[in-house]
Amino acid sequence: MSFRNTLARELTVSGTALHAGTPVTMTLGPGRAGEGVIFWRADKGGAEIPARYDLVAETKLGTVIEKNGVSVGVIEHLMAAVAGAGVDDLLVALDGPEPPILDGDALSYLALIDKVGVTATKVPRRAVRLLRAVKVSERNAYAALHPADEAAYDFLLEYDAPAIGRQQFRFAFTPDNFRNLIAPARTFGFAKDLEALNAMNLAKGASLENTLALDGTGVINKDRQRFADEFVRHKILDAIGDMALAGAPLIARFEGVRSGHGLNNRLLRALFADPGNYEMVMLP
């Protein structure tokens, strides 16, 4: 039997919020055993927002969770790193509306977790095992979870942009595979959209250091690109972060075709809407 993991000690880091563009300080610390990942807004009277799929309030350009009128945005990169590191219980204290974007990937969050280390609690670790396929779709996009012996991800991305085009990536979700193949993949965006996004108070913290910027010919900051197919890898990173809101590891194969945060959240809601879709199992 395996037991739930948390951090061995606290660690604090400061950076810039991706959308708000404001400085934010984040402290990652040991969580309460069995309670999962909880965000704590120090600037909002200590309001707590559990990282759960049923508290997702917005999925436009990031996953936002909200409880009692207090929200935390762009949590998917951190949640992906938490899942990749096998952390179950965690307290994330923030003095702003989002975790700092850091390098726009999950690797920078993994590095923080590595610094403090992971320790086991005395609470047994359980997982969600798929018993039958669940699928949600919208126009030419869909997201699905399929029964499988081990966690895996398969994503097809298509963009009418020279640097992206059609990309597909599949991988078995193991700590090493996540760290080496997915965690380094940075978020991306189109330079032509930046002015409009800024007018909507979005992407104000995006920079050529933390975001792969695309124009009509290719990647503007190509020196920051780590993989030729970094875009589809980052979409998998996002999906891992979104699936981490299930509250327990998923033993399933995720399949995404042009999907995003909205479909990912709908997929979890569909999964848990019918208890016949899954069973809870103890992890060996």
C-alpha atoms as a PDB file:
ATOM      1  CA  MET A   1       0.000   0.000   0.000  1.00  0.00           C
ATOM      2  CA  SER A   2       1.245   3.487  -0.817  1.00  0.00           C
ATOM      3  CA  PHE A   3       0.569   6.619   1.192  1.00  0.00           C
ATOM      4  CA  ARG A   4      -0.317  10.176   0.263  1.00  0.00           C
ATOM      5  CA  ASN A   5       2.612  12.542  -0.238  1.00  0.00           C
ATOM      6  CA  THR A   6       3.161  16.137   0.764  1.00  0.00           C
ATOM      7  CA  LEU A   7       6.116  18.527   0.896  1.00  0.00           C
ATOM      8  CA  ALA A   8       8.792  18.054   3.536  1.00  0.00           C
ATOM      9  CA  ARG A   9       8.909  21.803   4.300  1.00  0.00           C
ATOM     10  CA  GLU A  10       7.856  25.237   3.060  1.00  0.00           C
ATOM     11  CA  LEU A  11       9.376  27.202   0.201  1.00  0.00           C
ATOM     12  CA  THR A  12       8.596  30.739  -0.986  1.00  0.00           C
ATOM     13  CA  VAL A  13       9.086  32.195  -4.460  1.00  0.00           C
ATOM     14  CA  SER A  14       8.090  35.470  -6.119  1.00  0.00           C
ATOM     15  CA  GLY A  15       7.317  36.249  -9.724  1.00  0.00           C
ATOM     16  CA  THR A  16       4.783  37.738 -12.109  1.00  0.00           C
ATOM     17  CA  ALA A  17       1.158  36.707 -12.613  1.00  0.00           C
ATOM     18  CA  LEU A  18       0.631  35.716 -16.268  1.00  0.00           C
ATOM     19  CA  HIS A  19      -2.667  37.491 -16.838  1.00  0.00           C
ATOM     20  CA  ALA A  20      -2.753  40.127 -14.096  1.00  0.00           C
ATOM     21  CA  GLY A  21       0.842  41.125 -14.805  1.00  0.00           C
ATOM     22  CA  THR A  22       1.360  41.985 -11.137  1.00  0.00           C
ATOM     23  CA  PRO A  23       4.043  40.747  -8.724  1.00  0.00           C
ATOM     24  CA  VAL A  24       2.928  37.763  -6.666  1.00  0.00           C
ATOM     25  CA  THR A  25       4.540  35.764  -3.888  1.00  0.00           C
ATOM     26  CA  MET A  26       3.753  32.077  -3.485  1.00  0.00           C
ATOM     27  CA  THR A  27       4.551  29.763  -0.585  1.00  0.00           C
ATOM     28  CA  LEU A  28       4.296  26.021  -1.126  1.00  0.00           C
ATOM     29  CA  GLY A  29       3.984  24.069   2.106  1.00  0.00           C
ATOM     30  CA  PRO A  30       2.941  20.760   3.625  1.00  0.00           C
ATOM     31  CA  GLY A  31      -0.765  20.127   3.169  1.00  0.00           C
ATOM     32  CA  ARG A  32      -3.276  18.628   5.547  1.00  0.00           C
ATOM     33  CA  ALA A  33      -3.181  14.859   5.046  1.00  0.00           C
ATOM     34  CA  GLY A  34      -6.079  13.637   2.965  1.00  0.00           C
ATOM     35  CA  GLU A  35      -7.362  17.092   1.974  1.00  0.00           C
ATOM     36  CA  GLY A  36      -5.636  17.501  -1.384  1.00  0.00           C
ATOM     37  CA  VAL A  37      -4.264  20.715  -2.874  1.00  0.00           C
ATOM     38  CA  ILE A  38      -5.664  23.882  -1.310  1.00  0.00           C
ATOM     39  CA  PHE A  39      -4.997  27.434  -2.484  1.00  0.00           C
ATOM     40  CA  TRP A  40      -4.944  30.085   0.245  1.00  0.00           C
ATOM     41  CA  ARG A  41      -5.402  33.752  -0.684  1.00  0.00           C
ATOM     42  CA  ALA A  42      -3.496  35.763   1.932  1.00  0.00           C
ATOM     43  CA  ASP A  43      -4.722  38.980   0.297  1.00  0.00           C
ATOM     44  CA  LYS A  44      -8.356  37.872   0.613  1.00  0.00           C
ATOM     45  CA  GLY A  45      -8.587  37.249   4.340  1.00  0.00           C
ATOM     46  CA  GLY A  46      -7.093  33.773   4.122  1.00  0.00           C
ATOM     47  CA  ALA A  47      -9.855  32.410   1.886  1.00  0.00           C
ATOM     48  CA  GLU A  48      -9.277  28.770   0.923  1.00  0.00           C
ATOM     49  CA  ILE A  49     -10.107  27.323  -2.495  1.00  0.00           C
ATOM     50  CA  PRO A  50      -9.624  23.564  -2.922  1.00  0.00           C
ATOM     51  CA  ALA A  51      -8.208  22.504  -6.293  1.00  0.00           C
ATOM     52  CA  ARG A  52     -11.258  20.588  -7.502  1.00  0.00           C
ATOM     53  CA  TYR A  53     -12.924  20.179 -10.880  1.00  0.00           C
ATOM     54  CA  ASP A  54     -16.338  21.174  -9.486  1.00  0.00           C
ATOM     55  CA  LEU A  55     -14.966  24.557  -8.379  1.00  0.00           C
ATOM     56  CA  VAL A  56     -13.730  25.515 -11.866  1.00  0.00           C
ATOM     57  CA  ALA A  57     -15.439  28.794 -12.723  1.00  0.00           C
ATOM     58  CA  GLU A  58     -13.600  29.915 -15.876  1.00  0.00           C
ATOM     59  CA  THR A  59     -11.573  28.178 -18.581  1.00  0.00           C
ATOM     60  CA  LYS A  60     -10.680  30.995 -20.977  1.00  0.00           C
ATOM     61  CA  LEU A  61      -6.896  31.084 -21.424  1.00  0.00           C
ATOM     62  CA  GLY A  62      -6.389  29.176 -18.191  1.00  0.00           C
ATOM     63  CA  THR A  63      -8.179  27.196 -15.522  1.00  0.00           C
ATOM     64  CA  VAL A  64      -9.705  29.302 -12.748  1.00  0.00           C
ATOM     65  CA  ILE A  65     -11.130  27.874  -9.519  1.00  0.00           C
ATOM     66  CA  GLU A  66     -13.473  29.882  -7.309  1.00  0.00           C
ATOM     67  CA  LYS A  67     -15.202  29.523  -3.952  1.00  0.00           C
ATOM     68  CA  ASN A  68     -17.368  32.068  -2.140  1.00  0.00           C
ATOM     69  CA  GLY A  69     -16.443  34.765  -4.635  1.00  0.00           C
ATOM     70  CA  VAL A  70     -12.661  34.322  -4.263  1.00  0.00           C
ATOM     71  CA  SER A  71     -10.734  32.841  -7.180  1.00  0.00           C
ATOM     72  CA  VAL A  72      -7.287  31.670  -8.253  1.00  0.00           C
ATOM     73  CA  GLY A  73      -6.391  31.571 -11.930  1.00  0.00           C
ATOM     74  CA  VAL A  74      -3.907  29.807 -14.212  1.00  0.00           C
ATOM     75  CA  ILE A  75      -3.393  26.887 -11.841  1.00  0.00           C
ATOM     76  CA  GLU A  76      -2.831  24.221 -14.503  1.00  0.00           C
ATOM     77  CA  HIS A  77       0.978  24.495 -14.779  1.00  0.00           C
ATOM     78  CA  LEU A  78       1.467  24.171 -11.025  1.00  0.00           C
ATOM     79  CA  MET A  79      -1.120  21.385 -10.801  1.00  0.00           C
ATOM     80  CA  ALA A  80       0.664  19.476 -13.583  1.00  0.00           C
ATOM     81  CA  ALA A  81       3.950  19.708 -11.658  1.00  0.00           C
ATOM     82  CA  VAL A  82       2.208  18.579  -8.465  1.00  0.00           C
ATOM     83  CA  ALA A  83       0.801  15.542 -10.286  1.00  0.00           C
ATOM     84  CA  GLY A  84       4.135  14.807 -11.942  1.00  0.00           C
ATOM     85  CA  ALA A  85       5.908  14.907  -8.580  1.00  0.00           C
ATOM     86  CA  GLY A  86       3.310  12.617  -7.013  1.00  0.00           C
ATOM     87  CA  VAL A  87       2.250  15.205  -4.425  1.00  0.00           C
ATOM     88  CA  ASP A  88      -1.263  14.673  -3.056  1.00  0.00           C
ATOM     89  CA  ASP A  89      -1.647  17.193  -0.229  1.00  0.00           C
ATOM     90  CA  LEU A  90      -0.331  20.739  -0.550  1.00  0.00           C
ATOM     91  CA  LEU A  91      -1.009  24.238   0.704  1.00  0.00           C
ATOM     92  CA  VAL A  92      -0.407  26.996  -1.853  1.00  0.00           C
ATOM     93  CA  ALA A  93      -0.399  30.433  -0.217  1.00  0.00           C
ATOM     94  CA  LEU A  94      -0.679  33.427  -2.556  1.00  0.00           C
ATOM     95  CA  ASP A  95      -0.824  37.191  -2.103  1.00  0.00           C
ATOM     96  CA  GLY A  96      -2.306  37.669  -5.572  1.00  0.00           C
ATOM     97  CA  PRO A  97      -4.788  36.223  -8.090  1.00  0.00           C
ATOM     98  CA  GLU A  98      -2.515  33.609  -9.711  1.00  0.00           C
ATOM     99  CA  PRO A  99       0.621  31.601  -9.031  1.00  0.00           C
ATOM    100  CA  PRO A 100       3.703  33.261 -10.571  1.00  0.00           C
ATOM    101  CA  ILE A 101       4.142  32.102 -14.159  1.00  0.00           C
ATOM    102  CA  LEU A 102       7.908  31.582 -13.680  1.00  0.00           C
ATOM    103  CA  ASP A 103       9.235  30.040 -16.939  1.00  0.00           C
ATOM    104  CA  GLY A 104       5.797  29.332 -18.419  1.00  0.00           C
ATOM    105  CA  ASP A 105       6.309  25.596 -17.965  1.00  0.00           C
ATOM    106  CA  ALA A 106       5.943  22.978 -15.212  1.00  0.00           C
ATOM    107  CA  LEU A 107       9.661  22.298 -14.865  1.00  0.00           C
ATOM    108  CA  SER A 108      10.204  25.492 -12.875  1.00  0.00           C
ATOM    109  CA  TYR A 109       7.612  24.312 -10.327  1.00  0.00           C
ATOM    110  CA  LEU A 110       9.171  20.839 -10.224  1.00  0.00           C
ATOM    111  CA  ALA A 111      12.488  22.491  -9.359  1.00  0.00           C
ATOM    112  CA  LEU A 112      10.837  24.127  -6.335  1.00  0.00           C
ATOM    113  CA  ILE A 113       9.395  20.796  -5.187  1.00  0.00           C
ATOM    114  CA  ASP A 114      12.822  19.183  -5.634  1.00  0.00           C
ATOM    115  CA  LYS A 115      14.389  21.787  -3.328  1.00  0.00           C
ATOM    116  CA  VAL A 116      12.184  20.918  -0.359  1.00  0.00           C
ATOM    117  CA  GLY A 117      11.538  17.250  -1.059  1.00  0.00           C
ATOM    118  CA  VAL A 118       8.463  15.059  -0.735  1.00  0.00           C
ATOM    119  CA  THR A 119       7.463  13.071   2.333  1.00  0.00           C
ATOM    120  CA  ALA A 120       4.803  10.425   2.902  1.00  0.00           C
ATOM    121  CA  THR A 121       1.889  10.869   5.290  1.00  0.00           C
ATOM    122  CA  LYS A 122       0.031   8.097   7.120  1.00  0.00           C
ATOM    123  CA  VAL A 123      -3.060   8.355   4.894  1.00  0.00           C
ATOM    124  CA  PRO A 124      -3.401   5.639   2.209  1.00  0.00           C
ATOM    125  CA  ARG A 125      -3.275   6.793  -1.402  1.00  0.00           C
ATOM    126  CA  ARG A 126      -6.251   5.985  -3.625  1.00  0.00           C
ATOM    127  CA  ALA A 127      -6.761   6.434  -7.361  1.00  0.00           C
ATOM    128  CA  VAL A 128      -9.674   6.739  -9.781  1.00  0.00           C
ATOM    129  CA  ARG A 129      -9.724   3.806 -12.194  1.00  0.00           C
ATOM    130  CA  LEU A 130     -11.840   4.092 -15.330  1.00  0.00           C
ATOM    131  CA  LEU A 131     -14.364   1.323 -15.887  1.00  0.00           C
ATOM    132  CA  ARG A 132     -15.743   2.645 -19.185  1.00  0.00           C
ATOM    133  CA  ALA A 133     -14.893   5.361 -21.672  1.00  0.00           C
ATOM    134  CA  VAL A 134     -16.162   8.903 -21.142  1.00  0.00           C
ATOM    135  CA  LYS A 135     -16.125  11.495 -23.926  1.00  0.00           C
ATOM    136  CA  VAL A 136     -17.201  15.111 -24.401  1.00  0.00           C
ATOM    137  CA  SER A 137     -17.050  17.055 -27.648  1.00  0.00           C
ATOM    138  CA  GLU A 138     -17.591  20.471 -29.172  1.00  0.00           C
ATOM    139  CA  ARG A 139     -17.516  21.143 -32.901  1.00  0.00           C
ATOM    140  CA  ASN A 140     -14.333  19.496 -34.232  1.00  0.00           C
ATOM    141  CA  ALA A 141     -12.732  18.984 -30.801  1.00  0.00           C
ATOM    142  CA  TYR A 142     -13.154  16.340 -28.153  1.00  0.00           C
ATOM    143  CA  ALA A 143     -11.631  14.995 -24.941  1.00  0.00           C
ATOM    144  CA  ALA A 144     -11.985  11.454 -23.663  1.00  0.00           C
ATOM    145  CA  LEU A 145     -10.846   9.123 -20.919  1.00  0.00           C
ATOM    146  CA  HIS A 146     -10.439   5.426 -21.681  1.00  0.00           C
ATOM    147  CA  PRO A 147      -9.916   2.450 -19.362  1.00  0.00           C
ATOM    148  CA  ALA A 148      -6.228   1.536 -19.156  1.00  0.00           C
ATOM    149  CA  ASP A 149      -3.799  -0.326 -16.943  1.00  0.00           C
ATOM    150  CA  GLU A 150      -1.634   2.792 -16.500  1.00  0.00           C
ATOM    151  CA  ALA A 151      -2.030   6.532 -16.925  1.00  0.00           C
ATOM    152  CA  ALA A 152      -1.231   7.792 -20.431  1.00  0.00           C
ATOM    153  CA  TYR A 153      -1.869  10.857 -22.590  1.00  0.00           C
ATOM    154  CA  ASP A 154      -2.477  11.192 -26.325  1.00  0.00           C
ATOM    155  CA  PHE A 155      -3.088  14.604 -27.896  1.00  0.00           C
ATOM    156  CA  LEU A 156      -3.632  15.881 -31.434  1.00  0.00           C
ATOM    157  CA  LEU A 157      -3.145  19.608 -32.000  1.00  0.00           C
ATOM    158  CA  GLU A 158      -3.899  21.528 -35.183  1.00  0.00           C
ATOM    159  CA  TYR A 159      -3.267  25.231 -35.755  1.00  0.00           C
ATOM    160  CA  ASP A 160      -3.236  27.219 -38.964  1.00  0.00           C
ATOM    161  CA  ALA A 161       0.233  28.525 -38.143  1.00  0.00           C
ATOM    162  CA  PRO A 162       3.513  27.554 -39.864  1.00  0.00           C
ATOM    163  CA  ALA A 163       5.290  26.801 -36.574  1.00  0.00           C
ATOM    164  CA  ILE A 164       2.573  24.402 -35.403  1.00  0.00           C
ATOM    165  CA  GLY A 165       0.467  22.878 -38.155  1.00  0.00           C
ATOM    166  CA  ARG A 166      -0.546  19.360 -37.110  1.00  0.00           C
ATOM    167  CA  GLN A 167       1.241  17.829 -34.128  1.00  0.00           C
ATOM    168  CA  GLN A 168       0.515  14.657 -32.164  1.00  0.00           C
ATOM    169  CA  PHE A 169       2.228  13.308 -29.066  1.00  0.00           C
ATOM    170  CA  ARG A 170       1.655  10.233 -26.906  1.00  0.00           C
ATOM    171  CA  PHE A 171       3.361   9.239 -23.682  1.00  0.00           C
ATOM    172  CA  ALA A 172       2.998   7.004 -20.643  1.00  0.00           C
ATOM    173  CA  PHE A 173       2.553   9.176 -17.556  1.00  0.00           C
ATOM    174  CA  THR A 174       5.474   8.316 -15.286  1.00  0.00           C
ATOM    175  CA  PRO A 175       7.462  10.752 -13.127  1.00  0.00           C
ATOM    176  CA  ASP A 176      10.539  10.497 -15.362  1.00  0.00           C
ATOM    177  CA  ASN A 177       8.594  10.788 -18.618  1.00  0.00           C
ATOM    178  CA  PHE A 178       6.725  13.813 -17.315  1.00  0.00           C
ATOM    179  CA  ARG A 179       9.902  15.524 -16.130  1.00  0.00           C
ATOM    180  CA  ASN A 180      11.826  14.933 -19.360  1.00  0.00           C
ATOM    181  CA  LEU A 181       9.190  15.014 -22.082  1.00  0.00           C
ATOM    182  CA  ILE A 182       6.390  17.310 -20.895  1.00  0.00           C
ATOM    183  CA  ALA A 183       7.380  19.533 -17.960  1.00  0.00           C
ATOM    184  CA  PRO A 184       9.863  21.685 -19.966  1.00  0.00           C
ATOM    185  CA  ALA A 185       7.244  22.642 -22.605  1.00  0.00           C
ATOM    186  CA  ARG A 186       6.411  26.353 -22.358  1.00  0.00           C
ATOM    187  CA  THR A 187       3.082  28.023 -22.931  1.00  0.00           C
ATOM    188  CA  PHE A 188       2.620  29.791 -26.260  1.00  0.00           C
ATOM    189  CA  GLY A 189       0.618  32.575 -27.837  1.00  0.00           C
ATOM    190  CA  PHE A 190       0.226  34.683 -30.963  1.00  0.00           C
ATOM    191  CA  ALA A 191       1.842  38.117 -31.007  1.00  0.00           C
ATOM    192  CA  LYS A 192      -1.072  39.548 -33.019  1.00  0.00           C
ATOM    193  CA  ASP A 193      -3.467  38.742 -30.154  1.00  0.00           C
ATOM    194  CA  LEU A 194      -1.442  40.354 -27.371  1.00  0.00           C
ATOM    195  CA  GLU A 195      -2.827  43.882 -27.658  1.00  0.00           C
ATOM    196  CA  ALA A 196      -6.449  42.658 -27.591  1.00  0.00           C
ATOM    197  CA  LEU A 197      -5.714  40.373 -24.633  1.00  0.00           C
ATOM    198  CA  ASN A 198      -4.078  43.201 -22.710  1.00  0.00           C
ATOM    199  CA  ALA A 199      -7.197  45.319 -23.306  1.00  0.00           C
ATOM    200  CA  MET A 200      -9.174  42.545 -21.567  1.00  0.00           C
ATOM    201  CA  ASN A 201      -6.673  42.510 -18.671  1.00  0.00           C
ATOM    202  CA  LEU A 202      -5.233  39.208 -19.901  1.00  0.00           C
ATOM    203  CA  ALA A 203      -1.650  38.109 -20.663  1.00  0.00           C
ATOM    204  CA  LYS A 204      -0.184  41.248 -19.062  1.00  0.00           C
ATOM    205  CA  GLY A 205       2.607  39.157 -17.566  1.00  0.00           C
ATOM    206  CA  ALA A 206       3.451  37.324 -20.787  1.00  0.00           C
ATOM    207  CA  SER A 207       6.981  37.947 -22.028  1.00  0.00           C
ATOM    208  CA  LEU A 208       9.496  36.523 -24.467  1.00  0.00           C
ATOM    209  CA  GLU A 209      11.108  34.830 -21.458  1.00  0.00           C
ATOM    210  CA  ASN A 210       8.085  32.798 -20.344  1.00  0.00           C
ATOM    211  CA  THR A 211       5.974  32.411 -23.510  1.00  0.00           C
ATOM    212  CA  LEU A 212       6.739  31.125 -26.998  1.00  0.00           C
ATOM    213  CA  ALA A 213       5.526  33.977 -29.201  1.00  0.00           C
ATOM    214  CA  LEU A 214       4.273  33.179 -32.702  1.00  0.00           C
ATOM    215  CA  ASP A 215       3.829  35.377 -35.754  1.00  0.00           C
ATOM    216  CA  GLY A 216       2.933  34.607 -39.361  1.00  0.00           C
ATOM    217  CA  THR A 217       6.306  33.054 -40.121  1.00  0.00           C
ATOM    218  CA  GLY A 218       7.278  31.119 -37.010  1.00  0.00           C
ATOM    219  CA  VAL A 219       8.482  31.439 -33.420  1.00  0.00           C
ATOM    220  CA  ILE A 220       9.736  34.939 -32.608  1.00  0.00           C
ATOM    221  CA  ASN A 221      11.860  33.864 -29.631  1.00  0.00           C
ATOM    222  CA  LYS A 222      13.082  30.597 -31.118  1.00  0.00           C
ATOM    223  CA  ASP A 223      16.028  30.575 -28.702  1.00  0.00           C
ATOM    224  CA  ARG A 224      13.524  29.745 -25.936  1.00  0.00           C
ATOM    225  CA  GLN A 225      12.017  26.770 -27.775  1.00  0.00           C
ATOM    226  CA  ARG A 226      12.959  23.392 -26.300  1.00  0.00           C
ATOM    227  CA  PHE A 227      11.154  20.954 -28.633  1.00  0.00           C
ATOM    228  CA  ALA A 228      10.096  21.161 -32.269  1.00  0.00           C
ATOM    229  CA  ASP A 229       6.657  19.930 -31.148  1.00  0.00           C
ATOM    230  CA  GLU A 230       6.624  21.944 -27.913  1.00  0.00           C
ATOM    231  CA  PHE A 231       3.092  23.179 -28.595  1.00  0.00           C
ATOM    232  CA  VAL A 232       1.368  19.797 -28.432  1.00  0.00           C
ATOM    233  CA  ARG A 233       3.526  18.858 -25.451  1.00  0.00           C
ATOM    234  CA  HIS A 234       2.331  21.958 -23.635  1.00  0.00           C
ATOM    235  CA  LYS A 235      -1.277  21.059 -24.415  1.00  0.00           C
ATOM    236  CA  ILE A 236      -0.627  17.726 -22.705  1.00  0.00           C
ATOM    237  CA  LEU A 237       0.916  19.606 -19.786  1.00  0.00           C
ATOM    238  CA  ASP A 238      -2.287  21.640 -19.526  1.00  0.00           C
ATOM    239  CA  ALA A 239      -4.406  18.491 -19.697  1.00  0.00           C
ATOM    240  CA  ILE A 240      -2.393  16.845 -16.907  1.00  0.00           C
ATOM    241  CA  GLY A 241      -2.928  19.924 -14.748  1.00  0.00           C
ATOM    242  CA  ASP A 242      -6.651  19.943 -15.508  1.00  0.00           C
ATOM    243  CA  MET A 243      -7.010  16.200 -14.811  1.00  0.00           C
ATOM    244  CA  ALA A 244      -5.238  16.718 -11.464  1.00  0.00           C
ATOM    245  CA  LEU A 245      -8.417  18.482 -10.338  1.00  0.00           C
ATOM    246  CA  ALA A 246     -10.023  15.034 -10.112  1.00  0.00           C
ATOM    247  CA  GLY A 247      -8.719  14.955  -6.546  1.00  0.00           C
ATOM    248  CA  ALA A 248      -6.908  11.633  -7.009  1.00  0.00           C
ATOM    249  CA  PRO A 249      -4.598  10.115  -9.635  1.00  0.00           C
ATOM    250  CA  LEU A 250      -6.405   8.839 -12.727  1.00  0.00           C
ATOM    251  CA  ILE A 251      -5.709   5.335 -14.001  1.00  0.00           C
ATOM    252  CA  ALA A 252      -6.868   6.019 -17.535  1.00  0.00           C
ATOM    253  CA  ARG A 253      -5.721   7.027 -20.984  1.00  0.00           C
ATOM    254  CA  PHE A 254      -6.535  10.638 -21.798  1.00  0.00           C
ATOM    255  CA  GLU A 255      -7.236  11.412 -25.445  1.00  0.00           C
ATOM    256  CA  GLY A 256      -7.493  14.999 -26.610  1.00  0.00           C
ATOM    257  CA  VAL A 257      -8.202  16.248 -30.122  1.00  0.00           C
ATOM    258  CA  ARG A 258      -7.957  20.048 -30.365  1.00  0.00           C
ATOM    259  CA  SER A 259      -9.345  20.243 -26.820  1.00  0.00           C
ATOM    260  CA  GLY A 260      -8.686  22.920 -24.214  1.00  0.00           C
ATOM    261  CA  HIS A 261      -9.397  23.750 -20.593  1.00  0.00           C
ATOM    262  CA  GLY A 262     -13.152  23.959 -21.132  1.00  0.00           C
ATOM    263  CA  LEU A 263     -13.510  20.469 -22.578  1.00  0.00           C
ATOM    264  CA  ASN A 264     -11.049  19.075 -20.052  1.00  0.00           C
ATOM    265  CA  ASN A 265     -13.223  20.321 -17.208  1.00  0.00           C
ATOM    266  CA  ARG A 266     -16.405  19.074 -18.878  1.00  0.00           C
ATOM    267  CA  LEU A 267     -14.730  15.674 -19.159  1.00  0.00           C
ATOM    268  CA  LEU A 268     -14.141  15.416 -15.412  1.00  0.00           C
ATOM    269  CA  ARG A 269     -17.685  16.573 -14.705  1.00  0.00           C
ATOM    270  CA  ALA A 270     -19.016  13.872 -17.047  1.00  0.00           C
ATOM    271  CA  LEU A 271     -16.762  11.260 -15.454  1.00  0.00           C
ATOM    272  CA  PHE A 272     -17.979  11.886 -11.923  1.00  0.00           C
ATOM    273  CA  ALA A 273     -21.617  12.457 -12.927  1.00  0.00           C
ATOM    274  CA  ASP A 274     -22.074   8.673 -13.186  1.00  0.00           C
ATOM    275  CA  PRO A 275     -20.550   6.437 -10.468  1.00  0.00           C
ATOM    276  CA  GLY A 276     -20.657   3.577 -12.968  1.00  0.00           C
ATOM    277  CA  ASN A 277     -17.836   5.222 -14.932  1.00  0.00           C
ATOM    278  CA  TYR A 278     -15.129   4.542 -12.363  1.00  0.00           C
ATOM    279  CA  GLU A 279     -14.067   2.887  -9.138  1.00  0.00           C
ATOM    280  CA  MET A 280     -11.778   4.036  -6.324  1.00  0.00           C
ATOM    281  CA  VAL A 281      -8.817   1.708  -5.778  1.00  0.00           C
ATOM    282  CA  MET A 282      -5.933   1.610  -3.334  1.00  0.00           C
ATOM    283  CA  LEU A 283      -2.547   2.151  -4.961  1.00  0.00           C
ATOM    284  CA  PRO A 284      -0.021  -0.639  -4.297  1.00  0.00           C
END
